Amino acid sequence: MIGEAEAFAQAELGQDHTGHDWWHTWRVRNTAELIAGMEGADRSICILAALLHDVADEKLNPSKEAGLDKVRSWLEERMEDEARLQHIMDIIETMSFSGGGGRPMATAEGRCVQDADRLDALGAIGIARTMVFSGAKGRPVYDPQTPPRDETLKQEYRDYSKGTAINHFYEKLLKLKAMMNTDYGRRLAEERHQFMLAYLEQFYREWNQGSEA
C-alpha cells in the first residue's frame, strides 16, 4: 500500500512548481519515518500520512474539502481498518500551518508528520522553496517598503498575491522552531533556524551594500 501511495502522490504532485512537489513529499516521508523511529510512533501511519498530505492540500485543490475527499476515497478503496484510515485523515486535516498553526496534533504519529513537514520549510531547502513559491505566485523577493503582515488570520495568510519572499520568513518560517512537537524535531529545527538567520543577515548586508555611501 505504501508503494501505491508513493505512485499516487507522484502522479498528483509530479508537475507542481510551487515547492509542494513530489520531492517535498519524498523528503517529508523520510523525515517523518526517522522521527517516528526516535519517538516510538507507528511508522506505517506516519509514512502514509506524509505521502498523502499534499495530495489533499487546499493550495493544490479547488477547496480543502475537495482535497480531503480525494484522499479519503483513495484510502477507502484500499484500507479496511476504519480506525487507521481515520487516524491518517485526522493527521492530514490538522497538520497545515494555516496562518497560525491550527489545533494541536492529538497523536504521536501526527506530531511526527507535522514536524517533518515543518522541517522542510526550514533551512536551505526551506529558503529555496520560499523563493520557488513566491516566484510561482508573482511575489517579489523583497521590498523594503512592504512590512511583514500579521499572519494570525487564515484569510490573510492564504492571500498569495500580497507580501514578499523575505517577509515570509517573519510571517511563518521563523515561527516554526517554537512550534515543533517532538524533542528530535526541535533538535533538527534549531540548526535550520540558525541557518535562516544567517541567510537573512547576509541578504540584508548585500541588499544595503553601498547604500550608505
N, C-alpha and C. Protein backbone atom coordinates (compact mmCIF):
# COMPACT_ATOMS: atom_id res chain seq x y z
N MET A 1 0.83 -1.20 0.00
CA MET A 1 0.00 0.00 0.00
C MET A 1 0.87 1.26 0.00
N ILE A 2 2.01 1.18 0.69
CA ILE A 2 2.92 2.33 0.68
C ILE A 2 3.42 2.60 -0.73
N GLY A 3 3.72 1.54 -1.47
CA GLY A 3 4.14 1.70 -2.86
C GLY A 3 3.06 2.36 -3.70
N GLU A 4 1.83 1.97 -3.48
CA GLU A 4 0.71 2.58 -4.21
C GLU A 4 0.55 4.05 -3.82
N ALA A 5 0.74 4.35 -2.55
CA ALA A 5 0.64 5.74 -2.09
C ALA A 5 1.74 6.60 -2.71
N GLU A 6 2.94 6.04 -2.83
CA GLU A 6 4.03 6.75 -3.48
C GLU A 6 3.67 7.08 -4.93
N ALA A 7 3.14 6.07 -5.65
CA ALA A 7 2.78 6.28 -7.05
C ALA A 7 1.65 7.31 -7.18
N PHE A 8 0.69 7.26 -6.28
CA PHE A 8 -0.43 8.21 -6.29
C PHE A 8 0.07 9.63 -6.06
N ALA A 9 0.91 9.80 -5.05
CA ALA A 9 1.43 11.13 -4.74
C ALA A 9 2.29 11.65 -5.89
N GLN A 10 3.09 10.78 -6.46
CA GLN A 10 3.95 11.20 -7.56
C GLN A 10 3.12 11.64 -8.77
N ALA A 11 2.05 10.92 -9.04
CA ALA A 11 1.18 11.28 -10.16
C ALA A 11 0.46 12.60 -9.91
N GLU A 12 0.05 12.83 -8.66
CA GLU A 12 -0.69 14.04 -8.33
C GLU A 12 0.20 15.27 -8.23
N LEU A 13 1.43 15.09 -7.78
CA LEU A 13 2.28 16.22 -7.45
C LEU A 13 3.48 16.39 -8.38
N GLY A 14 3.65 15.49 -9.31
CA GLY A 14 4.84 15.49 -10.15
C GLY A 14 5.02 16.73 -10.99
N GLN A 15 3.93 17.41 -11.32
CA GLN A 15 4.01 18.61 -12.16
C GLN A 15 3.90 19.90 -11.38
N ASP A 16 3.92 19.82 -10.06
CA ASP A 16 3.82 21.03 -9.25
C ASP A 16 5.10 21.86 -9.34
N HIS A 17 4.94 23.18 -9.40
CA HIS A 17 6.09 24.08 -9.47
C HIS A 17 6.03 25.15 -8.37
N THR A 18 5.39 24.83 -7.25
CA THR A 18 5.27 25.80 -6.16
C THR A 18 6.08 25.39 -4.92
N GLY A 19 6.84 24.30 -5.00
CA GLY A 19 7.56 23.81 -3.83
C GLY A 19 6.82 22.75 -3.06
N HIS A 20 5.62 22.37 -3.56
CA HIS A 20 4.84 21.29 -2.93
C HIS A 20 4.83 20.08 -3.86
N ASP A 21 5.96 19.82 -4.47
CA ASP A 21 6.07 18.78 -5.48
C ASP A 21 6.35 17.42 -4.85
N TRP A 22 6.56 16.43 -5.71
CA TRP A 22 6.81 15.08 -5.23
C TRP A 22 8.04 15.02 -4.33
N TRP A 23 9.09 15.77 -4.65
CA TRP A 23 10.31 15.67 -3.86
C TRP A 23 10.13 16.25 -2.47
N HIS A 24 9.27 17.25 -2.32
CA HIS A 24 8.90 17.71 -0.98
C HIS A 24 8.25 16.57 -0.21
N THR A 25 7.30 15.89 -0.84
CA THR A 25 6.62 14.77 -0.19
C THR A 25 7.61 13.66 0.16
N TRP A 26 8.53 13.38 -0.74
CA TRP A 26 9.55 12.35 -0.52
C TRP A 26 10.39 12.68 0.71
N ARG A 27 10.80 13.94 0.82
CA ARG A 27 11.60 14.34 1.99
C ARG A 27 10.79 14.26 3.28
N VAL A 28 9.54 14.72 3.24
CA VAL A 28 8.69 14.67 4.43
C VAL A 28 8.47 13.23 4.86
N ARG A 29 8.25 12.34 3.90
CA ARG A 29 8.05 10.93 4.23
C ARG A 29 9.30 10.38 4.95
N ASN A 30 10.49 10.66 4.41
CA ASN A 30 11.72 10.13 5.00
C ASN A 30 11.96 10.71 6.39
N THR A 31 11.73 12.01 6.55
CA THR A 31 11.94 12.63 7.85
C THR A 31 10.91 12.17 8.87
N ALA A 32 9.66 12.00 8.43
CA ALA A 32 8.61 11.51 9.33
C ALA A 32 8.95 10.10 9.83
N GLU A 33 9.46 9.26 8.94
CA GLU A 33 9.84 7.90 9.35
C GLU A 33 11.00 7.95 10.34
N LEU A 34 11.95 8.85 10.10
CA LEU A 34 13.08 9.00 11.02
C LEU A 34 12.61 9.44 12.40
N ILE A 35 11.76 10.47 12.45
CA ILE A 35 11.27 10.96 13.75
C ILE A 35 10.41 9.91 14.43
N ALA A 36 9.61 9.19 13.66
CA ALA A 36 8.77 8.13 14.24
C ALA A 36 9.61 7.08 14.94
N GLY A 37 10.76 6.74 14.34
CA GLY A 37 11.65 5.78 14.97
C GLY A 37 12.21 6.30 16.28
N MET A 38 12.51 7.60 16.32
CA MET A 38 13.05 8.19 17.54
C MET A 38 11.99 8.34 18.62
N GLU A 39 10.74 8.53 18.21
CA GLU A 39 9.65 8.81 19.14
C GLU A 39 8.81 7.58 19.48
N GLY A 40 9.09 6.46 18.84
CA GLY A 40 8.31 5.25 19.10
C GLY A 40 6.91 5.28 18.54
N ALA A 41 6.70 6.01 17.42
CA ALA A 41 5.38 6.11 16.80
C ALA A 41 5.21 5.04 15.73
N ASP A 42 3.97 4.84 15.29
CA ASP A 42 3.63 3.86 14.26
C ASP A 42 4.18 4.36 12.92
N ARG A 43 5.18 3.67 12.40
CA ARG A 43 5.85 4.15 11.19
C ARG A 43 4.94 4.11 9.97
N SER A 44 4.13 3.07 9.84
CA SER A 44 3.31 2.95 8.64
C SER A 44 2.26 4.06 8.58
N ILE A 45 1.68 4.42 9.73
CA ILE A 45 0.73 5.54 9.77
C ILE A 45 1.45 6.83 9.37
N CYS A 46 2.64 7.04 9.91
CA CYS A 46 3.41 8.25 9.60
C CYS A 46 3.75 8.32 8.12
N ILE A 47 4.18 7.20 7.55
CA ILE A 47 4.59 7.18 6.14
C ILE A 47 3.41 7.49 5.24
N LEU A 48 2.27 6.84 5.48
CA LEU A 48 1.10 7.05 4.62
C LEU A 48 0.58 8.48 4.73
N ALA A 49 0.53 9.01 5.95
CA ALA A 49 0.05 10.38 6.13
C ALA A 49 1.00 11.36 5.45
N ALA A 50 2.30 11.13 5.57
CA ALA A 50 3.28 12.01 4.93
C ALA A 50 3.16 11.95 3.41
N LEU A 51 2.99 10.77 2.87
CA LEU A 51 2.89 10.62 1.42
C LEU A 51 1.65 11.29 0.85
N LEU A 52 0.57 11.31 1.61
CA LEU A 52 -0.71 11.80 1.10
C LEU A 52 -1.03 13.23 1.51
N HIS A 53 -0.22 13.83 2.37
CA HIS A 53 -0.63 15.11 2.98
C HIS A 53 -0.81 16.23 1.96
N ASP A 54 0.04 16.30 0.95
CA ASP A 54 -0.11 17.40 0.00
C ASP A 54 -1.04 17.06 -1.16
N VAL A 55 -1.37 15.79 -1.32
CA VAL A 55 -2.42 15.44 -2.30
C VAL A 55 -3.72 16.12 -1.89
N ALA A 56 -3.91 16.28 -0.57
CA ALA A 56 -5.14 16.88 -0.05
C ALA A 56 -5.02 18.38 0.19
N ASP A 57 -3.83 18.96 0.01
CA ASP A 57 -3.63 20.35 0.38
C ASP A 57 -4.56 21.28 -0.39
N GLU A 58 -5.16 22.22 0.33
CA GLU A 58 -6.11 23.13 -0.31
C GLU A 58 -5.46 24.05 -1.33
N LYS A 59 -4.13 24.26 -1.21
CA LYS A 59 -3.44 25.08 -2.20
C LYS A 59 -3.41 24.41 -3.57
N LEU A 60 -3.57 23.08 -3.59
CA LEU A 60 -3.46 22.33 -4.83
C LEU A 60 -4.79 21.70 -5.26
N ASN A 61 -5.88 22.11 -4.62
CA ASN A 61 -7.20 21.57 -4.93
C ASN A 61 -8.21 22.72 -4.96
N PRO A 62 -9.39 22.47 -5.54
CA PRO A 62 -10.42 23.52 -5.57
C PRO A 62 -10.80 24.03 -4.18
N SER A 63 -10.71 23.15 -3.18
CA SER A 63 -11.01 23.52 -1.80
C SER A 63 -10.38 22.50 -0.87
N LYS A 64 -10.33 22.84 0.42
CA LYS A 64 -9.81 21.90 1.41
C LYS A 64 -10.65 20.63 1.43
N GLU A 65 -11.97 20.79 1.35
CA GLU A 65 -12.87 19.64 1.39
C GLU A 65 -12.65 18.72 0.19
N ALA A 66 -12.46 19.32 -0.99
CA ALA A 66 -12.24 18.51 -2.19
C ALA A 66 -10.96 17.70 -2.08
N GLY A 67 -9.91 18.30 -1.54
CA GLY A 67 -8.66 17.59 -1.38
C GLY A 67 -8.78 16.44 -0.38
N LEU A 68 -9.45 16.69 0.73
CA LEU A 68 -9.63 15.64 1.73
C LEU A 68 -10.49 14.51 1.20
N ASP A 69 -11.53 14.84 0.44
CA ASP A 69 -12.40 13.81 -0.14
C ASP A 69 -11.63 12.93 -1.12
N LYS A 70 -10.71 13.53 -1.87
CA LYS A 70 -9.91 12.77 -2.82
C LYS A 70 -9.06 11.72 -2.11
N VAL A 71 -8.42 12.14 -1.02
CA VAL A 71 -7.55 11.23 -0.28
C VAL A 71 -8.38 10.17 0.44
N ARG A 72 -9.51 10.57 1.05
CA ARG A 72 -10.35 9.60 1.74
C ARG A 72 -10.86 8.54 0.78
N SER A 73 -11.29 8.93 -0.39
CA SER A 73 -11.79 7.97 -1.37
C SER A 73 -10.69 7.00 -1.77
N TRP A 74 -9.49 7.50 -1.94
CA TRP A 74 -8.36 6.64 -2.30
C TRP A 74 -8.08 5.63 -1.19
N LEU A 75 -8.10 6.09 0.05
CA LEU A 75 -7.84 5.19 1.17
C LEU A 75 -8.95 4.16 1.35
N GLU A 76 -10.20 4.58 1.18
CA GLU A 76 -11.33 3.67 1.38
C GLU A 76 -11.30 2.50 0.39
N GLU A 77 -10.70 2.70 -0.77
CA GLU A 77 -10.60 1.62 -1.75
C GLU A 77 -9.54 0.60 -1.37
N ARG A 78 -8.67 0.94 -0.40
CA ARG A 78 -7.52 0.09 -0.10
C ARG A 78 -7.38 -0.30 1.37
N MET A 79 -8.10 0.35 2.26
CA MET A 79 -7.91 0.12 3.69
C MET A 79 -9.23 -0.24 4.36
N GLU A 80 -9.25 -1.40 4.97
CA GLU A 80 -10.47 -1.85 5.65
C GLU A 80 -10.55 -1.38 7.09
N ASP A 81 -9.41 -1.11 7.69
CA ASP A 81 -9.37 -0.70 9.10
C ASP A 81 -9.79 0.76 9.19
N GLU A 82 -11.03 1.01 9.60
CA GLU A 82 -11.57 2.36 9.64
C GLU A 82 -10.83 3.24 10.65
N ALA A 83 -10.37 2.65 11.75
CA ALA A 83 -9.68 3.43 12.77
C ALA A 83 -8.35 3.97 12.23
N ARG A 84 -7.61 3.11 11.51
CA ARG A 84 -6.34 3.55 10.94
C ARG A 84 -6.58 4.58 9.83
N LEU A 85 -7.61 4.35 9.04
CA LEU A 85 -7.94 5.29 7.97
C LEU A 85 -8.26 6.67 8.56
N GLN A 86 -9.08 6.68 9.60
CA GLN A 86 -9.46 7.95 10.21
C GLN A 86 -8.26 8.62 10.88
N HIS A 87 -7.36 7.81 11.42
CA HIS A 87 -6.15 8.36 12.03
C HIS A 87 -5.33 9.12 10.98
N ILE A 88 -5.15 8.52 9.82
CA ILE A 88 -4.41 9.16 8.74
C ILE A 88 -5.11 10.45 8.30
N MET A 89 -6.43 10.39 8.15
CA MET A 89 -7.17 11.57 7.72
C MET A 89 -7.09 12.69 8.77
N ASP A 90 -7.14 12.33 10.04
CA ASP A 90 -7.05 13.35 11.09
C ASP A 90 -5.70 14.06 11.04
N ILE A 91 -4.64 13.30 10.79
CA ILE A 91 -3.31 13.91 10.68
C ILE A 91 -3.27 14.89 9.52
N ILE A 92 -3.74 14.46 8.37
CA ILE A 92 -3.68 15.29 7.17
C ILE A 92 -4.51 16.55 7.35
N GLU A 93 -5.66 16.41 7.96
CA GLU A 93 -6.56 17.55 8.12
C GLU A 93 -6.03 18.58 9.11
N THR A 94 -5.22 18.14 10.08
CA THR A 94 -4.80 19.00 11.17
C THR A 94 -3.42 19.62 10.96
N MET A 95 -2.60 19.09 10.05
CA MET A 95 -1.19 19.43 10.06
C MET A 95 -0.83 20.76 9.43
N SER A 96 -1.73 21.40 8.69
CA SER A 96 -1.39 22.63 7.99
C SER A 96 -1.09 23.78 8.94
N PHE A 97 -0.16 24.65 8.53
CA PHE A 97 0.15 25.87 9.30
C PHE A 97 -1.06 26.80 9.35
N SER A 98 -1.69 27.02 8.21
CA SER A 98 -2.96 27.76 8.10
C SER A 98 -2.97 29.11 8.81
N GLY A 99 -1.90 29.86 8.67
CA GLY A 99 -1.89 31.21 9.22
C GLY A 99 -1.89 31.27 10.72
N GLY A 100 -1.19 30.36 11.37
CA GLY A 100 -1.11 30.45 12.82
C GLY A 100 -0.85 29.14 13.51
N GLY A 101 -1.03 28.02 12.83
CA GLY A 101 -0.65 26.76 13.42
C GLY A 101 -1.76 25.75 13.58
N GLY A 102 -3.03 26.18 13.60
CA GLY A 102 -4.11 25.23 13.72
C GLY A 102 -4.18 24.61 15.10
N ARG A 103 -5.02 23.58 15.24
CA ARG A 103 -5.15 22.94 16.55
C ARG A 103 -4.03 21.93 16.76
N PRO A 104 -3.68 21.64 18.02
CA PRO A 104 -2.58 20.71 18.30
C PRO A 104 -2.86 19.31 17.79
N MET A 105 -1.81 18.61 17.40
CA MET A 105 -1.93 17.22 16.99
C MET A 105 -2.27 16.35 18.20
N ALA A 106 -3.19 15.41 17.99
CA ALA A 106 -3.68 14.60 19.10
C ALA A 106 -2.87 13.32 19.33
N THR A 107 -2.06 12.91 18.35
CA THR A 107 -1.36 11.64 18.45
C THR A 107 0.13 11.80 18.18
N ALA A 108 0.91 10.82 18.64
CA ALA A 108 2.35 10.83 18.40
C ALA A 108 2.65 10.81 16.91
N GLU A 109 1.86 10.04 16.15
CA GLU A 109 2.09 9.97 14.71
C GLU A 109 1.85 11.33 14.05
N GLY A 110 0.79 12.01 14.46
CA GLY A 110 0.52 13.33 13.91
C GLY A 110 1.62 14.31 14.22
N ARG A 111 2.15 14.24 15.44
CA ARG A 111 3.23 15.15 15.82
C ARG A 111 4.49 14.89 14.99
N CYS A 112 4.76 13.62 14.69
CA CYS A 112 5.94 13.28 13.88
C CYS A 112 5.80 13.81 12.46
N VAL A 113 4.64 13.61 11.85
CA VAL A 113 4.44 14.03 10.46
C VAL A 113 4.42 15.56 10.37
N GLN A 114 3.77 16.20 11.30
CA GLN A 114 3.73 17.66 11.28
C GLN A 114 5.13 18.25 11.43
N ASP A 115 5.92 17.68 12.33
CA ASP A 115 7.31 18.15 12.48
C ASP A 115 8.09 17.96 11.18
N ALA A 116 7.92 16.83 10.54
CA ALA A 116 8.63 16.56 9.29
C ALA A 116 8.27 17.58 8.22
N ASP A 117 6.99 17.91 8.12
CA ASP A 117 6.54 18.89 7.14
C ASP A 117 7.09 20.27 7.47
N ARG A 118 7.09 20.63 8.72
CA ARG A 118 7.60 21.94 9.12
C ARG A 118 9.10 22.03 8.93
N LEU A 119 9.81 20.95 9.16
CA LEU A 119 11.25 20.95 8.94
C LEU A 119 11.60 21.22 7.48
N ASP A 120 10.75 20.78 6.57
CA ASP A 120 11.03 21.00 5.15
C ASP A 120 10.78 22.45 4.74
N ALA A 121 10.21 23.24 5.63
CA ALA A 121 10.04 24.68 5.39
C ALA A 121 11.17 25.48 6.02
N LEU A 122 12.14 24.79 6.64
CA LEU A 122 13.25 25.45 7.32
C LEU A 122 14.57 25.18 6.60
N GLY A 123 15.58 25.93 6.97
CA GLY A 123 16.92 25.68 6.46
C GLY A 123 17.09 26.03 5.00
N ALA A 124 18.11 25.44 4.39
CA ALA A 124 18.43 25.73 3.00
C ALA A 124 17.30 25.35 2.07
N ILE A 125 16.70 24.19 2.30
CA ILE A 125 15.58 23.76 1.45
C ILE A 125 14.38 24.67 1.67
N GLY A 126 14.12 25.05 2.89
CA GLY A 126 13.01 25.96 3.16
C GLY A 126 13.17 27.29 2.44
N ILE A 127 14.39 27.81 2.41
CA ILE A 127 14.66 29.06 1.69
C ILE A 127 14.40 28.87 0.20
N ALA A 128 14.91 27.78 -0.35
CA ALA A 128 14.71 27.52 -1.78
C ALA A 128 13.23 27.39 -2.11
N ARG A 129 12.48 26.69 -1.27
CA ARG A 129 11.05 26.50 -1.52
C ARG A 129 10.30 27.83 -1.42
N THR A 130 10.72 28.70 -0.50
CA THR A 130 10.08 30.00 -0.38
C THR A 130 10.26 30.82 -1.64
N MET A 131 11.45 30.79 -2.21
CA MET A 131 11.71 31.54 -3.43
C MET A 131 10.92 30.95 -4.61
N VAL A 132 10.87 29.64 -4.70
CA VAL A 132 10.11 29.00 -5.77
C VAL A 132 8.63 29.33 -5.67
N PHE A 133 8.08 29.23 -4.46
CA PHE A 133 6.66 29.51 -4.26
C PHE A 133 6.34 30.97 -4.57
N SER A 134 7.19 31.88 -4.10
CA SER A 134 6.94 33.30 -4.35
C SER A 134 7.00 33.61 -5.83
N GLY A 135 7.96 33.03 -6.53
CA GLY A 135 8.03 33.24 -7.97
C GLY A 135 6.81 32.72 -8.68
N ALA A 136 6.32 31.54 -8.27
CA ALA A 136 5.13 30.96 -8.89
C ALA A 136 3.90 31.83 -8.67
N LYS A 137 3.86 32.54 -7.54
CA LYS A 137 2.71 33.38 -7.21
C LYS A 137 2.92 34.85 -7.59
N GLY A 138 4.05 35.16 -8.24
CA GLY A 138 4.29 36.52 -8.71
C GLY A 138 4.67 37.49 -7.62
N ARG A 139 5.20 36.98 -6.51
CA ARG A 139 5.60 37.87 -5.42
C ARG A 139 7.07 38.22 -5.56
N PRO A 140 7.46 39.47 -5.26
CA PRO A 140 8.87 39.85 -5.35
C PRO A 140 9.69 39.21 -4.24
N VAL A 141 11.01 39.18 -4.44
CA VAL A 141 11.89 38.66 -3.40
C VAL A 141 11.83 39.54 -2.16
N TYR A 142 11.89 40.87 -2.37
CA TYR A 142 11.94 41.78 -1.21
C TYR A 142 11.53 43.18 -1.65
N ASP A 143 10.86 43.88 -0.76
CA ASP A 143 10.52 45.28 -0.96
C ASP A 143 10.61 45.95 0.41
N PRO A 144 11.61 46.76 0.65
CA PRO A 144 11.77 47.35 1.99
C PRO A 144 10.61 48.23 2.42
N GLN A 145 9.75 48.61 1.47
CA GLN A 145 8.59 49.44 1.83
C GLN A 145 7.35 48.59 2.14
N THR A 146 7.49 47.28 2.05
CA THR A 146 6.37 46.37 2.36
C THR A 146 6.71 45.58 3.62
N PRO A 147 6.14 45.93 4.77
CA PRO A 147 6.46 45.23 6.01
C PRO A 147 5.78 43.86 6.07
N PRO A 148 6.30 42.95 6.89
CA PRO A 148 5.62 41.67 7.10
C PRO A 148 4.21 41.87 7.61
N ARG A 149 3.32 40.94 7.25
CA ARG A 149 1.93 41.03 7.67
C ARG A 149 1.69 40.28 8.97
N ASP A 150 0.62 40.63 9.64
CA ASP A 150 0.16 39.87 10.79
C ASP A 150 -0.54 38.64 10.23
N GLU A 151 0.07 37.46 10.45
CA GLU A 151 -0.43 36.24 9.82
C GLU A 151 -1.38 35.45 10.71
N THR A 152 -2.04 36.10 11.66
CA THR A 152 -2.92 35.37 12.55
C THR A 152 -4.25 35.02 11.88
N LEU A 153 -4.59 35.71 10.81
CA LEU A 153 -5.85 35.45 10.14
C LEU A 153 -5.64 34.54 8.95
N LYS A 154 -6.39 33.47 8.89
CA LYS A 154 -6.21 32.49 7.82
C LYS A 154 -6.44 33.12 6.45
N GLN A 155 -7.45 33.97 6.33
CA GLN A 155 -7.76 34.58 5.04
C GLN A 155 -6.56 35.42 4.56
N GLU A 156 -5.94 36.14 5.49
CA GLU A 156 -4.79 36.96 5.13
C GLU A 156 -3.60 36.09 4.75
N TYR A 157 -3.42 34.99 5.48
CA TYR A 157 -2.31 34.10 5.21
C TYR A 157 -2.43 33.48 3.82
N ARG A 158 -3.63 33.15 3.40
CA ARG A 158 -3.85 32.50 2.12
C ARG A 158 -3.94 33.48 0.95
N ASP A 159 -3.78 34.77 1.20
CA ASP A 159 -3.79 35.74 0.11
C ASP A 159 -2.38 35.80 -0.47
N TYR A 160 -2.14 34.94 -1.48
CA TYR A 160 -0.80 34.79 -2.01
C TYR A 160 -0.37 35.96 -2.88
N SER A 161 -1.29 36.86 -3.22
CA SER A 161 -0.93 37.98 -4.09
C SER A 161 -0.17 39.07 -3.35
N LYS A 162 -0.17 39.01 -2.03
CA LYS A 162 0.46 40.05 -1.22
C LYS A 162 1.77 39.54 -0.63
N GLY A 163 2.59 40.51 -0.21
CA GLY A 163 3.79 40.15 0.52
C GLY A 163 4.98 39.88 -0.38
N THR A 164 6.08 39.47 0.27
CA THR A 164 7.33 39.17 -0.43
C THR A 164 7.92 37.88 0.12
N ALA A 165 8.91 37.36 -0.60
CA ALA A 165 9.56 36.14 -0.14
C ALA A 165 10.26 36.35 1.21
N ILE A 166 10.96 37.45 1.34
CA ILE A 166 11.67 37.71 2.60
C ILE A 166 10.68 37.90 3.75
N ASN A 167 9.57 38.56 3.50
CA ASN A 167 8.56 38.72 4.55
C ASN A 167 8.05 37.38 5.06
N HIS A 168 8.03 36.38 4.18
CA HIS A 168 7.52 35.06 4.57
C HIS A 168 8.36 34.44 5.69
N PHE A 169 9.63 34.83 5.77
CA PHE A 169 10.46 34.36 6.89
C PHE A 169 9.82 34.78 8.22
N TYR A 170 9.38 36.02 8.29
CA TYR A 170 8.84 36.56 9.54
C TYR A 170 7.38 36.16 9.74
N GLU A 171 6.66 35.95 8.65
CA GLU A 171 5.25 35.59 8.74
C GLU A 171 5.05 34.11 9.09
N LYS A 172 6.05 33.27 8.75
CA LYS A 172 5.89 31.84 9.03
C LYS A 172 7.19 31.16 9.46
N LEU A 173 8.21 31.21 8.62
CA LEU A 173 9.35 30.32 8.78
C LEU A 173 10.05 30.45 10.13
N LEU A 174 10.27 31.67 10.59
CA LEU A 174 10.98 31.85 11.85
C LEU A 174 10.13 31.52 13.07
N LYS A 175 8.84 31.29 12.87
CA LYS A 175 7.95 30.89 13.96
C LYS A 175 7.96 29.37 14.19
N LEU A 176 8.45 28.63 13.20
CA LEU A 176 8.26 27.18 13.23
C LEU A 176 9.08 26.48 14.30
N LYS A 177 10.27 26.98 14.60
CA LYS A 177 11.11 26.32 15.60
C LYS A 177 10.37 26.18 16.93
N ALA A 178 9.65 27.20 17.32
CA ALA A 178 8.91 27.18 18.59
C ALA A 178 7.66 26.32 18.53
N MET A 179 7.27 25.91 17.33
CA MET A 179 6.05 25.14 17.16
C MET A 179 6.29 23.65 16.98
N MET A 180 7.55 23.21 17.06
CA MET A 180 7.85 21.80 16.88
C MET A 180 7.26 20.98 18.02
N ASN A 181 6.85 19.76 17.71
CA ASN A 181 6.17 18.90 18.68
C ASN A 181 7.09 17.96 19.44
N THR A 182 8.13 17.46 18.78
CA THR A 182 8.94 16.38 19.33
C THR A 182 10.33 16.88 19.70
N ASP A 183 10.96 16.17 20.63
CA ASP A 183 12.32 16.53 21.03
C ASP A 183 13.27 16.44 19.84
N TYR A 184 13.17 15.38 19.07
CA TYR A 184 14.07 15.22 17.93
C TYR A 184 13.79 16.27 16.87
N GLY A 185 12.53 16.59 16.66
CA GLY A 185 12.17 17.63 15.71
C GLY A 185 12.75 18.98 16.12
N ARG A 186 12.70 19.27 17.40
CA ARG A 186 13.26 20.53 17.89
C ARG A 186 14.77 20.60 17.67
N ARG A 187 15.45 19.48 17.85
CA ARG A 187 16.90 19.44 17.61
C ARG A 187 17.21 19.73 16.15
N LEU A 188 16.48 19.12 15.24
CA LEU A 188 16.71 19.35 13.82
C LEU A 188 16.34 20.79 13.43
N ALA A 189 15.27 21.31 14.03
CA ALA A 189 14.80 22.65 13.68
C ALA A 189 15.80 23.72 14.11
N GLU A 190 16.49 23.52 15.22
CA GLU A 190 17.41 24.55 15.73
C GLU A 190 18.50 24.88 14.72
N GLU A 191 19.11 23.86 14.14
CA GLU A 191 20.19 24.09 13.17
C GLU A 191 19.65 24.82 11.93
N ARG A 192 18.50 24.40 11.46
CA ARG A 192 17.93 25.01 10.26
C ARG A 192 17.49 26.45 10.54
N HIS A 193 16.98 26.69 11.73
CA HIS A 193 16.58 28.05 12.12
C HIS A 193 17.79 28.98 12.12
N GLN A 194 18.89 28.53 12.69
CA GLN A 194 20.09 29.35 12.74
C GLN A 194 20.63 29.63 11.34
N PHE A 195 20.51 28.67 10.44
CA PHE A 195 20.94 28.88 9.06
C PHE A 195 20.11 29.98 8.40
N MET A 196 18.81 30.01 8.66
CA MET A 196 17.96 31.04 8.07
C MET A 196 18.30 32.42 8.62
N LEU A 197 18.61 32.51 9.90
CA LEU A 197 19.00 33.79 10.48
C LEU A 197 20.29 34.29 9.83
N ALA A 198 21.24 33.37 9.61
CA ALA A 198 22.49 33.75 8.95
C ALA A 198 22.24 34.19 7.52
N TYR A 199 21.32 33.51 6.85
CA TYR A 199 20.97 33.89 5.48
C TYR A 199 20.39 35.29 5.43
N LEU A 200 19.47 35.60 6.33
CA LEU A 200 18.87 36.93 6.36
C LEU A 200 19.91 38.00 6.64
N GLU A 201 20.82 37.73 7.54
CA GLU A 201 21.88 38.70 7.84
C GLU A 201 22.70 38.99 6.59
N GLN A 202 23.07 37.93 5.87
CA GLN A 202 23.83 38.11 4.64
C GLN A 202 23.00 38.81 3.56
N PHE A 203 21.72 38.47 3.47
CA PHE A 203 20.83 39.09 2.48
C PHE A 203 20.78 40.60 2.68
N TYR A 204 20.53 41.03 3.91
CA TYR A 204 20.44 42.47 4.17
C TYR A 204 21.79 43.16 3.96
N ARG A 205 22.87 42.46 4.27
CA ARG A 205 24.19 43.04 4.06
C ARG A 205 24.41 43.32 2.57
N GLU A 206 24.04 42.36 1.74
CA GLU A 206 24.21 42.53 0.30
C GLU A 206 23.23 43.56 -0.25
N TRP A 207 21.98 43.55 0.24
CA TRP A 207 20.97 44.48 -0.24
C TRP A 207 21.38 45.93 0.02
N ASN A 208 21.94 46.18 1.20
CA ASN A 208 22.25 47.54 1.61
C ASN A 208 23.66 47.98 1.26
N GLN A 209 24.43 47.09 0.63
CA GLN A 209 25.82 47.42 0.32
C GLN A 209 25.89 48.65 -0.60
N GLY A 210 26.62 49.62 -0.16
CA GLY A 210 26.78 50.84 -0.95
C GLY A 210 25.71 51.87 -0.74
N SER A 211 24.63 51.53 -0.05
CA SER A 211 23.52 52.49 0.10
C SER A 211 23.86 53.63 1.04
N GLU A 212 24.86 53.40 1.91
CA GLU A 212 25.23 54.43 2.86
C GLU A 212 26.37 55.32 2.34
N ALA A 213 26.84 54.99 1.15
CA ALA A 213 27.96 55.77 0.58
C ALA A 213 27.49 57.16 0.16
